Amino acid sequence: MAFVITSPCKEEKAGECVEVCPVECIEEGKDMFYIDPDICIDCGACEAVCPVEAIYHEDDVPDEEREYIQINKEFFQS
């Protein structure tokens, strides 16, 4: 399991999450940040500092944001 960045990050891109990630698994995309699920160690540091509450543990992503689990994975497949 990993943490997932969801829609509130779109166009926000505050970046605090990148600064606190101990394994550098968060990358900036065109419209938002993404978490690499293969590198994320589930520490939760990013979730705690997100100013727009866009980051959830994969098990806790709200139903209306579930598509972002796959969106985050696909970002790192290209």
N, C-alpha and C. Protein backbone atom coordinates (compact mmCIF):
# COMPACT_ATOMS: atom_id res chain seq x y z
N MET A 1 0.83 -1.19 0.00
CA MET A 1 0.00 0.00 0.00
C MET A 1 0.87 1.25 0.00
N ALA A 2 0.28 2.33 -0.47
CA ALA A 2 1.02 3.59 -0.55
C ALA A 2 0.05 4.74 -0.31
N PHE A 3 0.61 5.91 -0.20
CA PHE A 3 -0.21 7.11 -0.13
C PHE A 3 -0.51 7.57 -1.55
N VAL A 4 -1.60 8.30 -1.71
CA VAL A 4 -2.09 8.73 -3.01
C VAL A 4 -2.41 10.22 -2.95
N ILE A 5 -2.02 10.95 -3.98
CA ILE A 5 -2.38 12.36 -4.08
C ILE A 5 -3.61 12.46 -4.96
N THR A 6 -4.62 13.22 -4.50
CA THR A 6 -5.91 13.30 -5.17
C THR A 6 -6.17 14.70 -5.73
N SER A 7 -7.38 14.90 -6.23
CA SER A 7 -7.73 16.10 -6.99
C SER A 7 -7.51 17.46 -6.32
N PRO A 8 -7.61 17.60 -5.00
CA PRO A 8 -7.35 18.94 -4.44
C PRO A 8 -5.95 19.48 -4.78
N CYS A 9 -5.03 18.60 -5.14
CA CYS A 9 -3.68 19.04 -5.51
C CYS A 9 -3.64 19.69 -6.89
N LYS A 10 -4.60 19.33 -7.74
CA LYS A 10 -4.60 19.87 -9.10
C LYS A 10 -4.58 21.39 -9.06
N GLU A 11 -3.65 21.95 -9.79
CA GLU A 11 -3.47 23.39 -9.90
C GLU A 11 -2.96 24.03 -8.60
N GLU A 12 -2.90 23.31 -7.49
CA GLU A 12 -2.41 23.85 -6.22
C GLU A 12 -0.90 23.72 -6.15
N LYS A 13 -0.43 22.47 -6.23
CA LYS A 13 0.99 22.16 -6.25
C LYS A 13 1.80 22.93 -5.21
N ALA A 14 1.40 22.84 -3.97
CA ALA A 14 2.09 23.57 -2.91
C ALA A 14 3.51 23.06 -2.70
N GLY A 15 3.73 21.75 -2.71
CA GLY A 15 5.07 21.20 -2.66
C GLY A 15 5.64 20.85 -1.30
N GLU A 16 4.92 21.12 -0.22
CA GLU A 16 5.43 20.76 1.09
C GLU A 16 5.68 19.26 1.19
N CYS A 17 4.87 18.48 0.50
CA CYS A 17 5.00 17.02 0.54
C CYS A 17 6.36 16.56 0.01
N VAL A 18 6.83 17.20 -1.02
CA VAL A 18 8.12 16.83 -1.62
C VAL A 18 9.24 17.07 -0.62
N GLU A 19 9.16 18.18 0.09
CA GLU A 19 10.21 18.57 1.03
C GLU A 19 10.34 17.60 2.20
N VAL A 20 9.26 16.96 2.61
CA VAL A 20 9.32 16.09 3.79
C VAL A 20 9.46 14.61 3.48
N CYS A 21 9.33 14.23 2.23
CA CYS A 21 9.39 12.81 1.88
C CYS A 21 10.81 12.26 2.06
N PRO A 22 10.98 11.26 2.93
CA PRO A 22 12.32 10.74 3.19
C PRO A 22 12.88 9.85 2.09
N VAL A 23 12.03 9.38 1.18
CA VAL A 23 12.50 8.48 0.12
C VAL A 23 12.35 9.08 -1.28
N GLU A 24 11.99 10.34 -1.34
CA GLU A 24 11.87 11.07 -2.62
C GLU A 24 10.98 10.34 -3.62
N CYS A 25 9.78 9.93 -3.17
CA CYS A 25 8.87 9.21 -4.05
C CYS A 25 7.82 10.11 -4.68
N ILE A 26 7.88 11.42 -4.40
CA ILE A 26 6.89 12.35 -4.94
C ILE A 26 7.52 13.17 -6.06
N GLU A 27 6.83 13.17 -7.21
CA GLU A 27 7.33 13.92 -8.36
C GLU A 27 6.26 14.88 -8.85
N GLU A 28 6.74 15.98 -9.41
CA GLU A 28 5.85 17.00 -9.92
C GLU A 28 5.47 16.69 -11.36
N GLY A 29 4.17 16.74 -11.64
CA GLY A 29 3.66 16.61 -12.99
C GLY A 29 3.21 17.97 -13.50
N LYS A 30 2.56 17.97 -14.62
CA LYS A 30 2.12 19.23 -15.21
C LYS A 30 1.12 19.97 -14.32
N ASP A 31 0.13 19.24 -13.78
CA ASP A 31 -0.94 19.88 -13.02
C ASP A 31 -0.92 19.60 -11.52
N MET A 32 -0.17 18.57 -11.10
CA MET A 32 -0.19 18.18 -9.70
C MET A 32 1.04 17.33 -9.38
N PHE A 33 1.18 16.94 -8.12
CA PHE A 33 2.23 16.02 -7.70
C PHE A 33 1.69 14.60 -7.69
N TYR A 34 2.61 13.63 -7.79
CA TYR A 34 2.24 12.22 -7.82
C TYR A 34 3.17 11.45 -6.90
N ILE A 35 2.64 10.38 -6.27
CA ILE A 35 3.43 9.52 -5.40
C ILE A 35 3.67 8.19 -6.11
N ASP A 36 4.94 7.80 -6.18
CA ASP A 36 5.29 6.52 -6.79
C ASP A 36 4.98 5.42 -5.78
N PRO A 37 3.98 4.57 -6.08
CA PRO A 37 3.59 3.54 -5.10
C PRO A 37 4.65 2.46 -4.89
N ASP A 38 5.59 2.35 -5.80
CA ASP A 38 6.65 1.34 -5.65
C ASP A 38 7.76 1.82 -4.73
N ILE A 39 7.83 3.11 -4.48
CA ILE A 39 8.89 3.67 -3.63
C ILE A 39 8.35 4.11 -2.27
N CYS A 40 7.09 4.53 -2.22
CA CYS A 40 6.48 5.03 -0.98
C CYS A 40 6.62 4.00 0.14
N ILE A 41 7.05 4.48 1.32
CA ILE A 41 7.24 3.59 2.47
C ILE A 41 6.13 3.75 3.51
N ASP A 42 5.06 4.42 3.14
CA ASP A 42 3.89 4.59 4.01
C ASP A 42 4.19 5.30 5.32
N CYS A 43 5.09 6.26 5.30
CA CYS A 43 5.45 6.93 6.55
C CYS A 43 4.42 7.99 6.95
N GLY A 44 3.68 8.54 5.99
CA GLY A 44 2.65 9.52 6.30
C GLY A 44 3.13 10.95 6.45
N ALA A 45 4.41 11.19 6.26
CA ALA A 45 4.94 12.55 6.42
C ALA A 45 4.27 13.52 5.45
N CYS A 46 4.02 13.08 4.24
CA CYS A 46 3.42 13.95 3.23
C CYS A 46 1.99 14.32 3.59
N GLU A 47 1.25 13.35 4.08
CA GLU A 47 -0.16 13.57 4.44
C GLU A 47 -0.28 14.66 5.51
N ALA A 48 0.63 14.63 6.46
CA ALA A 48 0.57 15.57 7.59
C ALA A 48 0.81 17.02 7.18
N VAL A 49 1.55 17.25 6.10
CA VAL A 49 1.89 18.63 5.74
C VAL A 49 1.10 19.18 4.55
N CYS A 50 0.26 18.38 3.93
CA CYS A 50 -0.48 18.84 2.75
C CYS A 50 -1.48 19.93 3.13
N PRO A 51 -1.32 21.15 2.60
CA PRO A 51 -2.19 22.25 2.99
C PRO A 51 -3.62 22.15 2.44
N VAL A 52 -3.82 21.30 1.43
CA VAL A 52 -5.16 21.16 0.84
C VAL A 52 -5.78 19.79 1.11
N GLU A 53 -5.14 19.00 1.99
CA GLU A 53 -5.62 17.68 2.38
C GLU A 53 -5.93 16.80 1.17
N ALA A 54 -4.97 16.75 0.25
CA ALA A 54 -5.13 15.97 -0.98
C ALA A 54 -4.53 14.58 -0.88
N ILE A 55 -3.84 14.27 0.21
CA ILE A 55 -3.10 13.02 0.32
C ILE A 55 -3.79 12.07 1.31
N TYR A 56 -3.99 10.84 0.82
CA TYR A 56 -4.65 9.81 1.63
C TYR A 56 -3.86 8.51 1.52
N HIS A 57 -3.95 7.70 2.56
CA HIS A 57 -3.46 6.34 2.44
C HIS A 57 -4.37 5.65 1.44
N GLU A 58 -3.81 4.78 0.63
CA GLU A 58 -4.57 4.13 -0.43
C GLU A 58 -5.89 3.52 0.07
N ASP A 59 -5.88 2.95 1.26
CA ASP A 59 -7.09 2.34 1.82
C ASP A 59 -8.15 3.36 2.22
N ASP A 60 -7.73 4.62 2.39
CA ASP A 60 -8.64 5.65 2.89
C ASP A 60 -9.07 6.67 1.84
N VAL A 61 -8.70 6.47 0.59
CA VAL A 61 -9.08 7.41 -0.47
C VAL A 61 -10.61 7.41 -0.58
N PRO A 62 -11.23 8.61 -0.54
CA PRO A 62 -12.69 8.67 -0.68
C PRO A 62 -13.15 8.07 -2.01
N ASP A 63 -14.34 7.52 -2.03
CA ASP A 63 -14.85 6.87 -3.22
C ASP A 63 -14.78 7.76 -4.46
N GLU A 64 -15.10 9.04 -4.30
CA GLU A 64 -15.11 9.95 -5.45
C GLU A 64 -13.70 10.30 -5.95
N GLU A 65 -12.68 9.88 -5.21
CA GLU A 65 -11.29 10.15 -5.60
C GLU A 65 -10.53 8.87 -5.96
N ARG A 66 -11.19 7.72 -5.96
CA ARG A 66 -10.53 6.43 -6.18
C ARG A 66 -9.76 6.36 -7.49
N GLU A 67 -10.20 7.09 -8.51
CA GLU A 67 -9.50 7.06 -9.80
C GLU A 67 -8.06 7.54 -9.67
N TYR A 68 -7.76 8.33 -8.65
CA TYR A 68 -6.40 8.85 -8.47
C TYR A 68 -5.40 7.79 -8.03
N ILE A 69 -5.88 6.67 -7.53
CA ILE A 69 -4.97 5.57 -7.22
C ILE A 69 -4.31 5.12 -8.52
N GLN A 70 -5.10 4.90 -9.54
CA GLN A 70 -4.57 4.49 -10.84
C GLN A 70 -3.82 5.62 -11.53
N ILE A 71 -4.30 6.84 -11.40
CA ILE A 71 -3.64 7.99 -12.03
C ILE A 71 -2.20 8.12 -11.50
N ASN A 72 -2.03 7.96 -10.18
CA ASN A 72 -0.69 8.04 -9.60
C ASN A 72 0.20 6.92 -10.14
N LYS A 73 -0.33 5.70 -10.21
CA LYS A 73 0.44 4.56 -10.73
C LYS A 73 0.85 4.80 -12.18
N GLU A 74 -0.10 5.24 -12.99
CA GLU A 74 0.17 5.44 -14.42
C GLU A 74 1.20 6.53 -14.69
N PHE A 75 1.26 7.53 -13.83
CA PHE A 75 2.24 8.60 -14.01
C PHE A 75 3.65 8.04 -14.04
N PHE A 76 3.90 7.01 -13.26
CA PHE A 76 5.26 6.44 -13.17
C PHE A 76 5.50 5.30 -14.15
N GLN A 77 4.52 4.93 -14.93
CA GLN A 77 4.68 3.88 -15.90
C GLN A 77 5.19 4.38 -17.25
N SER A 78 5.17 5.69 -17.43
CA SER A 78 5.62 6.23 -18.73
C SER A 78 7.10 6.50 -18.76
